[in-house]
């Protein structure tokens, strides 16, 4: 129905006062304002919908890549169903790395590790480090997340008339168009 807004405004602009009164419209400016507010709200909601869709796609892509790394042994970001803080996750990674090095084959070798033994101990850690470094095709763009938040704020501040007002206006204008 909001696609009718330009036509509604055109009809209102080309009617004289007596025609508007016959249509049941007492204030042309207020009625046009209601139409523009409704159109603005529709545009804000469409913008938010696009932003949310983009964010969901980014999150799904990240989850798929991160799940593949977890399958290779990377510790989970969650604990009891909640995300870990950065500090706790770094501690978990350090513990994971220490265990990987300690449990790797050849740990019974006396003296400093060299060659194949060292490679065997650290291969999975280097693989995971490399994959984590390339988790994102490009660095995350937090602007789109803040922009979505600003759009939500604009929507919450935007006040529309009751939906029946819009329907009544559409009926009036379609009958006079």
C-alpha atoms as a PDB file:
ATOM      1  CA  UNK A   1       0.000   0.000   0.000  1.00  0.00           C
ATOM      2  CA  UNK A   2       2.893   2.357   0.615  1.00  0.00           C
ATOM      3  CA  UNK A   3       3.594   2.181  -3.137  1.00  0.00           C
ATOM      4  CA  UNK A   4       0.473   4.310  -3.535  1.00  0.00           C
ATOM      5  CA  UNK A   5       2.048   7.173  -1.568  1.00  0.00           C
ATOM      6  CA  UNK A   6       3.313   9.227  -4.554  1.00  0.00           C
ATOM      7  CA  UNK A   7      -0.088   8.958  -6.227  1.00  0.00           C
ATOM      8  CA  UNK A   8      -1.838   9.947  -2.995  1.00  0.00           C
ATOM      9  CA  UNK A   9       0.344  13.021  -2.613  1.00  0.00           C
ATOM     10  CA  UNK A  10      -0.257  13.962  -6.242  1.00  0.00           C
ATOM     11  CA  UNK A  11      -4.042  13.702  -5.775  1.00  0.00           C
ATOM     12  CA  UNK A  12      -3.894  15.788  -2.606  1.00  0.00           C
ATOM     13  CA  UNK A  13      -1.746  18.460  -4.243  1.00  0.00           C
ATOM     14  CA  UNK A  14      -4.097  18.896  -7.199  1.00  0.00           C
ATOM     15  CA  UNK A  15      -7.355  19.127  -5.250  1.00  0.00           C
ATOM     16  CA  UNK A  16      -8.754  22.384  -3.967  1.00  0.00           C
ATOM     17  CA  UNK A  17      -9.970  22.851  -0.385  1.00  0.00           C
ATOM     18  CA  UNK A  18     -13.614  22.101  -1.122  1.00  0.00           C
ATOM     19  CA  UNK A  19     -12.697  18.889  -2.972  1.00  0.00           C
ATOM     20  CA  UNK A  20     -10.529  17.797  -0.043  1.00  0.00           C
ATOM     21  CA  UNK A  21     -13.369  18.446   2.405  1.00  0.00           C
ATOM     22  CA  UNK A  22     -15.704  16.398   0.205  1.00  0.00           C
ATOM     23  CA  UNK A  23     -13.142  13.589   0.367  1.00  0.00           C
ATOM     24  CA  UNK A  24     -13.137  13.844   4.170  1.00  0.00           C
ATOM     25  CA  UNK A  25      -9.687  15.446   4.419  1.00  0.00           C
ATOM     26  CA  UNK A  26      -9.621  18.547   6.584  1.00  0.00           C
ATOM     27  CA  UNK A  27      -5.887  19.286   6.541  1.00  0.00           C
ATOM     28  CA  UNK A  28      -3.881  18.664   3.355  1.00  0.00           C
ATOM     29  CA  UNK A  29      -0.479  19.275   5.009  1.00  0.00           C
ATOM     30  CA  UNK A  30      -1.152  16.909   7.891  1.00  0.00           C
ATOM     31  CA  UNK A  31      -2.418  14.207   5.537  1.00  0.00           C
ATOM     32  CA  UNK A  32       0.648  14.526   3.286  1.00  0.00           C
ATOM     33  CA  UNK A  33       2.820  14.363   6.413  1.00  0.00           C
ATOM     34  CA  UNK A  34       1.131  11.093   7.432  1.00  0.00           C
ATOM     35  CA  UNK A  35       1.775   9.662   3.957  1.00  0.00           C
ATOM     36  CA  UNK A  36       5.451  10.703   4.041  1.00  0.00           C
ATOM     37  CA  UNK A  37       5.930   9.290   7.550  1.00  0.00           C
ATOM     38  CA  UNK A  38       4.510   5.982   6.387  1.00  0.00           C
ATOM     39  CA  UNK A  39       6.795   5.939   3.357  1.00  0.00           C
ATOM     40  CA  UNK A  40       9.801   6.812   5.518  1.00  0.00           C
ATOM     41  CA  UNK A  41       8.972   3.993   7.913  1.00  0.00           C
ATOM     42  CA  UNK A  42       8.678   1.527   5.040  1.00  0.00           C
ATOM     43  CA  UNK A  43      12.100   2.611   3.735  1.00  0.00           C
ATOM     44  CA  UNK A  44      13.667   2.283   7.189  1.00  0.00           C
ATOM     45  CA  UNK A  45      12.229  -1.204   7.635  1.00  0.00           C
ATOM     46  CA  UNK A  46      13.457  -2.280   4.188  1.00  0.00           C
ATOM     47  CA  UNK A  47      16.932  -0.924   5.002  1.00  0.00           C
ATOM     48  CA  UNK A  48      16.964  -2.784   8.297  1.00  0.00           C
ATOM     49  CA  UNK A  49      15.800  -5.972   6.591  1.00  0.00           C
ATOM     50  CA  UNK A  50      18.690  -5.753   4.102  1.00  0.00           C
ATOM     51  CA  UNK A  51      21.207  -5.097   6.899  1.00  0.00           C
ATOM     52  CA  UNK A  52      19.931  -8.014   8.971  1.00  0.00           C
ATOM     53  CA  UNK A  53      20.080 -10.314   5.932  1.00  0.00           C
ATOM     54  CA  UNK A  54      23.700  -9.256   5.250  1.00  0.00           C
ATOM     55  CA  UNK A  55      24.666  -9.765   8.883  1.00  0.00           C
ATOM     56  CA  UNK A  56      23.021 -13.195   9.010  1.00  0.00           C
ATOM     57  CA  UNK A  57      24.928 -14.235   5.875  1.00  0.00           C
ATOM     58  CA  UNK A  58      28.226 -13.049   7.421  1.00  0.00           C
ATOM     59  CA  UNK A  59      27.497 -14.864  10.671  1.00  0.00           C
ATOM     60  CA  UNK A  60      26.578 -18.104   8.883  1.00  0.00           C
ATOM     61  CA  UNK A  61      29.772 -17.945   6.826  1.00  0.00           C
ATOM     62  CA  UNK A  62      31.856 -17.370   9.972  1.00  0.00           C
ATOM     63  CA  UNK A  63      30.083 -20.207  11.821  1.00  0.00           C
ATOM     64  CA  UNK A  64      30.746 -22.631   8.973  1.00  0.00           C
ATOM     65  CA  UNK A  65      34.439 -21.764   8.860  1.00  0.00           C
ATOM     66  CA  UNK A  66      34.795 -21.811  12.624  1.00  0.00           C
ATOM     67  CA  UNK A  67      32.995 -25.152  12.898  1.00  0.00           C
ATOM     68  CA  UNK A  68      35.461 -26.622  10.399  1.00  0.00           C
ATOM     69  CA  UNK A  69      38.311 -25.390  12.614  1.00  0.00           C
ATOM     70  CA  UNK A  70      36.665 -26.846  15.699  1.00  0.00           C
ATOM     71  CA  UNK A  71      36.489 -30.162  13.876  1.00  0.00           C
ATOM     72  CA  UNK A  72      40.284 -29.879  13.517  1.00  0.00           C
ATOM     73  CA  UNK A  73      40.623 -29.375  17.279  1.00  0.00           C
ATOM     74  CA  UNK A  74      40.209 -25.642  17.890  1.00  0.00           C
ATOM     75  CA  UNK A  75      38.497 -25.091  21.262  1.00  0.00           C
ATOM     76  CA  UNK A  76      34.891 -23.897  21.328  1.00  0.00           C
ATOM     77  CA  UNK A  77      33.944 -20.252  21.844  1.00  0.00           C
ATOM     78  CA  UNK A  78      31.113 -21.350  24.111  1.00  0.00           C
ATOM     79  CA  UNK A  79      30.872 -22.542  27.668  1.00  0.00           C
ATOM     80  CA  UNK A  80      27.521 -23.634  29.084  1.00  0.00           C
ATOM     81  CA  UNK A  81      25.757 -22.154  26.066  1.00  0.00           C
ATOM     82  CA  UNK A  82      27.322 -18.691  26.459  1.00  0.00           C
ATOM     83  CA  UNK A  83      30.146 -17.038  24.527  1.00  0.00           C
ATOM     84  CA  UNK A  84      33.432 -16.837  26.374  1.00  0.00           C
ATOM     85  CA  UNK A  85      35.074 -13.485  27.002  1.00  0.00           C
ATOM     86  CA  UNK A  86      38.157 -12.691  24.947  1.00  0.00           C
ATOM     87  CA  UNK A  87      40.435 -13.233  27.953  1.00  0.00           C
ATOM     88  CA  UNK A  88      38.920 -16.616  28.801  1.00  0.00           C
ATOM     89  CA  UNK A  89      39.147 -17.776  25.200  1.00  0.00           C
ATOM     90  CA  UNK A  90      42.816 -16.756  24.929  1.00  0.00           C
ATOM     91  CA  UNK A  91      43.494 -18.737  28.120  1.00  0.00           C
ATOM     92  CA  UNK A  92      41.639 -21.729  26.654  1.00  0.00           C
ATOM     93  CA  UNK A  93      43.726 -21.467  23.450  1.00  0.00           C
ATOM     94  CA  UNK A  94      46.964 -21.323  25.439  1.00  0.00           C
ATOM     95  CA  UNK A  95      45.978 -24.428  27.374  1.00  0.00           C
ATOM     96  CA  UNK A  96      44.990 -26.168  24.137  1.00  0.00           C
ATOM     97  CA  UNK A  97      48.364 -25.313  22.551  1.00  0.00           C
ATOM     98  CA  UNK A  98      50.323 -26.528  25.564  1.00  0.00           C
ATOM     99  CA  UNK A  99      48.407 -29.818  25.585  1.00  0.00           C
ATOM    100  CA  UNK A 100      48.940 -30.258  21.820  1.00  0.00           C
ATOM    101  CA  UNK A 101      52.686 -29.797  22.209  1.00  0.00           C
ATOM    102  CA  UNK A 102      52.906 -32.058  25.256  1.00  0.00           C
ATOM    103  CA  UNK A 103      50.828 -34.873  23.734  1.00  0.00           C
ATOM    104  CA  UNK A 104      52.434 -34.923  20.296  1.00  0.00           C
ATOM    105  CA  UNK A 105      54.379 -37.984  19.258  1.00  0.00           C
ATOM    106  CA  UNK A 106      58.032 -38.008  20.223  1.00  0.00           C
ATOM    107  CA  UNK A 107      57.513 -36.350  23.596  1.00  0.00           C
ATOM    108  CA  UNK A 108      59.791 -38.957  25.166  1.00  0.00           C
ATOM    109  CA  UNK A 109      62.766 -37.680  23.181  1.00  0.00           C
ATOM    110  CA  UNK A 110      65.452 -36.224  25.434  1.00  0.00           C
ATOM    111  CA  UNK A 111      67.035 -32.906  24.508  1.00  0.00           C
ATOM    112  CA  UNK A 112      65.814 -30.150  22.237  1.00  0.00           C
ATOM    113  CA  UNK A 113      63.273 -31.044  19.563  1.00  0.00           C
ATOM    114  CA  UNK A 114      64.385 -30.746  15.971  1.00  0.00           C
ATOM    115  CA  UNK A 115      63.317 -31.756  12.488  1.00  0.00           C
ATOM    116  CA  UNK A 116      60.390 -34.094  11.947  1.00  0.00           C
ATOM    117  CA  UNK A 117      59.649 -34.492  15.659  1.00  0.00           C
ATOM    118  CA  UNK A 118      59.199 -30.734  16.064  1.00  0.00           C
ATOM    119  CA  UNK A 119      57.136 -30.567  12.876  1.00  0.00           C
ATOM    120  CA  UNK A 120      54.874 -33.385  14.095  1.00  0.00           C
ATOM    121  CA  UNK A 121      54.288 -31.561  17.388  1.00  0.00           C
ATOM    122  CA  UNK A 122      53.454 -28.200  15.848  1.00  0.00           C
ATOM    123  CA  UNK A 123      51.873 -29.050  12.486  1.00  0.00           C
ATOM    124  CA  UNK A 124      48.235 -28.921  13.655  1.00  0.00           C
ATOM    125  CA  UNK A 125      48.874 -25.732  15.647  1.00  0.00           C
ATOM    126  CA  UNK A 126      50.368 -23.984  12.600  1.00  0.00           C
ATOM    127  CA  UNK A 127      47.473 -25.179  10.451  1.00  0.00           C
ATOM    128  CA  UNK A 128      44.891 -23.822  12.914  1.00  0.00           C
ATOM    129  CA  UNK A 129      46.798 -20.537  13.354  1.00  0.00           C
ATOM    130  CA  UNK A 130      46.890 -20.065   9.592  1.00  0.00           C
ATOM    131  CA  UNK A 131      43.191 -20.854   9.200  1.00  0.00           C
ATOM    132  CA  UNK A 132      42.203 -18.498  12.032  1.00  0.00           C
ATOM    133  CA  UNK A 133      44.249 -15.752  10.376  1.00  0.00           C
ATOM    134  CA  UNK A 134      42.187 -16.280   7.211  1.00  0.00           C
ATOM    135  CA  UNK A 135      38.783 -16.727   8.853  1.00  0.00           C
ATOM    136  CA  UNK A 136      37.502 -13.606   7.121  1.00  0.00           C
ATOM    137  CA  UNK A 137      37.858 -12.912   3.393  1.00  0.00           C
ATOM    138  CA  UNK A 138      38.089  -9.282   4.356  1.00  0.00           C
ATOM    139  CA  UNK A 139      38.165  -7.741   7.832  1.00  0.00           C
ATOM    140  CA  UNK A 140      34.711  -7.397   9.413  1.00  0.00           C
ATOM    141  CA  UNK A 141      32.983  -4.121   8.615  1.00  0.00           C
ATOM    142  CA  UNK A 142      31.470  -3.013  11.889  1.00  0.00           C
ATOM    143  CA  UNK A 143      29.960   0.022  10.189  1.00  0.00           C
ATOM    144  CA  UNK A 144      27.119  -2.099   8.839  1.00  0.00           C
ATOM    145  CA  UNK A 145      26.365  -3.335  12.348  1.00  0.00           C
ATOM    146  CA  UNK A 146      26.276   0.181  13.810  1.00  0.00           C
ATOM    147  CA  UNK A 147      24.240   1.344  10.830  1.00  0.00           C
ATOM    148  CA  UNK A 148      21.671  -1.356  11.550  1.00  0.00           C
ATOM    149  CA  UNK A 149      21.570  -0.227  15.167  1.00  0.00           C
ATOM    150  CA  UNK A 150      21.034   3.391  14.070  1.00  0.00           C
ATOM    151  CA  UNK A 151      18.219   2.265  11.755  1.00  0.00           C
ATOM    152  CA  UNK A 152      16.519   0.458  14.645  1.00  0.00           C
ATOM    153  CA  UNK A 153      16.816   3.669  16.683  1.00  0.00           C
ATOM    154  CA  UNK A 154      15.275   5.692  13.856  1.00  0.00           C
ATOM    155  CA  UNK A 155      12.412   3.207  13.556  1.00  0.00           C
ATOM    156  CA  UNK A 156      11.699   3.340  17.285  1.00  0.00           C
ATOM    157  CA  UNK A 157      11.638   7.161  17.214  1.00  0.00           C
ATOM    158  CA  UNK A 158       9.442   7.307  14.130  1.00  0.00           C
ATOM    159  CA  UNK A 159       5.797   7.598  15.044  1.00  0.00           C
ATOM    160  CA  UNK A 160       3.061   6.516  12.702  1.00  0.00           C
ATOM    161  CA  UNK A 161      -0.651   7.031  12.920  1.00  0.00           C
ATOM    162  CA  UNK A 162      -2.902   4.103  13.697  1.00  0.00           C
ATOM    163  CA  UNK A 163      -3.033   1.579  10.784  1.00  0.00           C
ATOM    164  CA  UNK A 164      -6.733   2.275  10.310  1.00  0.00           C
ATOM    165  CA  UNK A 165      -5.868   5.887   9.448  1.00  0.00           C
ATOM    166  CA  UNK A 166      -3.704   4.654   6.569  1.00  0.00           C
ATOM    167  CA  UNK A 167      -6.416   2.272   5.324  1.00  0.00           C
ATOM    168  CA  UNK A 168      -9.067   5.020   5.505  1.00  0.00           C
ATOM    169  CA  UNK A 169      -6.815   7.370   3.569  1.00  0.00           C
ATOM    170  CA  UNK A 170      -6.175   4.781   0.880  1.00  0.00           C
ATOM    171  CA  UNK A 171      -9.904   4.115   0.523  1.00  0.00           C
ATOM    172  CA  UNK A 172     -10.660   7.846   0.278  1.00  0.00           C
ATOM    173  CA  UNK A 173      -8.024   8.505  -2.334  1.00  0.00           C
ATOM    174  CA  UNK A 174      -8.770   5.417  -4.426  1.00  0.00           C
ATOM    175  CA  UNK A 175     -12.426   6.381  -4.566  1.00  0.00           C
ATOM    176  CA  UNK A 176     -11.500   9.889  -5.724  1.00  0.00           C
ATOM    177  CA  UNK A 177      -8.612   8.962  -8.045  1.00  0.00           C
END
